[in-house]
Protein backbone atom coordinates (compact mmCIF):
# COMPACT_ATOMS: atom_id res chain seq x y z
CA GLN A 1 -39.44 -158.62 48.94
CA VAL A 2 -36.30 -158.34 46.82
CA GLN A 3 -35.81 -155.61 44.24
CA LEU A 4 -33.17 -155.08 41.59
CA VAL A 5 -32.90 -151.59 40.14
CA GLU A 6 -30.69 -150.75 37.18
CA SER A 7 -29.31 -147.36 36.26
CA GLY A 8 -26.79 -145.85 33.87
CA GLY A 9 -28.32 -146.53 30.47
CA GLY A 10 -28.65 -143.91 27.76
CA LEU A 11 -27.56 -142.76 24.33
CA VAL A 12 -23.90 -142.94 23.39
CA GLN A 13 -21.95 -142.61 20.15
CA PRO A 14 -20.12 -145.57 18.64
CA GLY A 15 -16.80 -146.03 20.37
CA GLY A 16 -18.11 -144.48 23.56
CA ALA A 17 -18.54 -145.95 27.02
CA LEU A 18 -21.26 -146.42 29.61
CA ARG A 19 -21.37 -147.88 33.09
CA LEU A 20 -24.47 -149.70 34.23
CA SER A 21 -25.27 -150.29 37.89
CA CYS A 22 -27.68 -152.68 39.54
CA ALA A 23 -28.65 -152.32 43.17
CA ALA A 24 -30.22 -155.18 45.13
CA SER A 25 -32.40 -154.38 48.11
CA GLY A 26 -34.75 -156.23 50.41
CA SER A 27 -34.50 -159.15 52.76
CA PHE A 28 -32.17 -162.00 51.90
CA CYS A 29 -29.42 -164.14 53.34
CA ARG A 30 -27.05 -163.97 50.42
CA ILE A 31 -26.75 -163.41 46.69
CA GLY A 32 -25.06 -165.96 44.48
CA ASP A 33 -24.42 -165.46 40.79
CA ARG A 34 -25.23 -162.09 39.26
CA GLY A 35 -25.37 -161.14 35.64
CA TRP A 36 -26.39 -158.84 32.85
CA TYR A 37 -28.59 -159.94 29.97
CA ARG A 38 -29.58 -157.92 26.99
CA ARG A 39 -32.38 -157.99 24.45
CA ALA A 40 -32.17 -156.15 21.18
CA LEU A 41 -35.32 -155.22 19.30
CA GLY A 42 -36.72 -158.27 17.56
CA LYS A 43 -34.21 -160.64 19.12
CA GLN A 44 -34.17 -163.01 22.03
CA ARG A 45 -32.63 -162.07 25.33
CA GLY A 46 -29.08 -163.29 25.69
CA LEU A 47 -26.33 -163.29 28.26
CA ALA A 48 -23.86 -160.45 28.13
CA GLU A 49 -21.85 -161.59 31.15
CA ASN A 50 -22.20 -162.91 34.63
CA ILE A 51 -20.13 -163.17 37.77
CA SER A 52 -20.22 -165.74 40.52
CA SER A 53 -20.02 -165.01 44.23
CA ASP A 54 -16.30 -165.85 44.16
CA GLY A 55 -15.68 -163.48 41.25
CA THR A 56 -15.51 -165.95 38.37
CA THR A 57 -16.77 -164.28 35.21
CA ASN A 58 -18.33 -165.55 32.02
CA TYR A 59 -18.62 -163.37 28.93
CA ALA A 60 -20.44 -163.62 25.62
CA ASP A 61 -17.93 -163.67 22.75
CA SER A 62 -19.42 -160.50 21.32
CA VAL A 63 -18.43 -158.43 24.37
CA LYS A 64 -15.09 -159.95 25.37
CA GLY A 65 -12.39 -157.36 25.70
CA ARG A 66 -14.90 -154.51 25.75
CA PHE A 67 -17.23 -155.15 28.71
CA THR A 68 -16.22 -155.75 32.30
CA ILE A 69 -18.49 -156.95 35.07
CA ALA A 70 -17.77 -156.32 38.73
CA ARG A 71 -19.61 -156.72 42.00
CA ASP A 72 -19.49 -155.11 45.40
CA ASN A 73 -20.92 -157.64 47.82
CA ALA A 74 -20.87 -155.25 50.77
CA GLN A 75 -23.10 -152.82 48.88
CA ASN A 76 -25.12 -155.51 47.05
CA MET A 77 -24.16 -153.88 43.77
CA VAL A 78 -23.12 -155.20 40.39
CA TYR A 79 -21.68 -153.07 37.60
CA LEU A 80 -21.15 -153.39 33.89
CA GLN A 81 -18.46 -151.21 32.36
CA MET A 82 -19.03 -151.07 28.61
CA ASN A 83 -16.27 -149.66 26.43
CA SER A 84 -15.83 -149.38 22.67
CA LEU A 85 -19.57 -149.57 22.21
CA LYS A 86 -20.97 -150.58 18.85
CA PRO A 87 -24.42 -150.03 17.31
CA GLU A 88 -25.08 -153.75 17.69
CA ASP A 89 -24.79 -153.33 21.46
CA THR A 90 -28.06 -151.39 21.39
CA ALA A 91 -30.51 -153.27 23.62
CA VAL A 92 -32.40 -153.28 26.88
CA TYR A 93 -29.98 -154.44 29.55
CA SER A 94 -31.38 -156.27 32.57
CA CYS A 95 -29.59 -157.46 35.64
CA VAL A 96 -30.36 -160.77 37.27
CA ALA A 97 -29.42 -162.17 40.64
CA ASP A 98 -29.57 -165.60 42.23
CA VAL A 99 -31.01 -164.55 45.57
CA HIS A 100 -31.30 -166.71 48.67
CA PRO A 101 -34.10 -165.17 50.76
CA THR A 102 -33.53 -167.80 53.44
CA ARG A 103 -31.10 -170.68 53.86
CA TRP A 104 -33.60 -172.98 52.19
CA GLU A 105 -34.82 -170.87 49.30
CA ARG A 106 -33.33 -169.42 46.16
CA HIS A 107 -34.93 -167.50 43.32
CA ASN A 108 -33.77 -165.57 40.29
CA TYR A 109 -34.79 -161.94 40.46
CA TRP A 110 -34.72 -159.54 37.52
CA GLY A 111 -34.49 -155.80 37.26
CA GLN A 112 -36.81 -153.75 35.08
CA GLY A 113 -34.15 -153.12 32.45
CA THR A 114 -32.36 -150.04 31.17
CA GLN A 115 -32.09 -148.96 27.56
CA VAL A 116 -28.68 -148.60 25.95
CA THR A 117 -28.62 -147.01 22.51
CA VAL A 118 -25.42 -146.73 20.49
CA SER A 119 -25.88 -144.38 17.59
CA SER A 120 -24.26 -141.42 15.89
């Protein structure tokens, strides 16, 4: 059983910063791509950014220059540093991982999500 658990969400003022963390645990051979998605109230979930196993990153235009994704493969962690936060960044942020439980299987696993609210 694989679990992804996010932490680090909360309330922050516009212009502030937050760092989200996502820990992967359980039994697996390896983890491929990892990413952060977000869903604002009344909107569809969309990609914030992701990072491949070799460190290649892909960002949504709305967060470029403000958000930075990083991963620690030894600790099975992925992080999202969010700077210069705006009210429109308010959303539930969920991490996702392309997990290979065995050499012959792969599944996308999702965390439960963490709320980020940007408001004065």
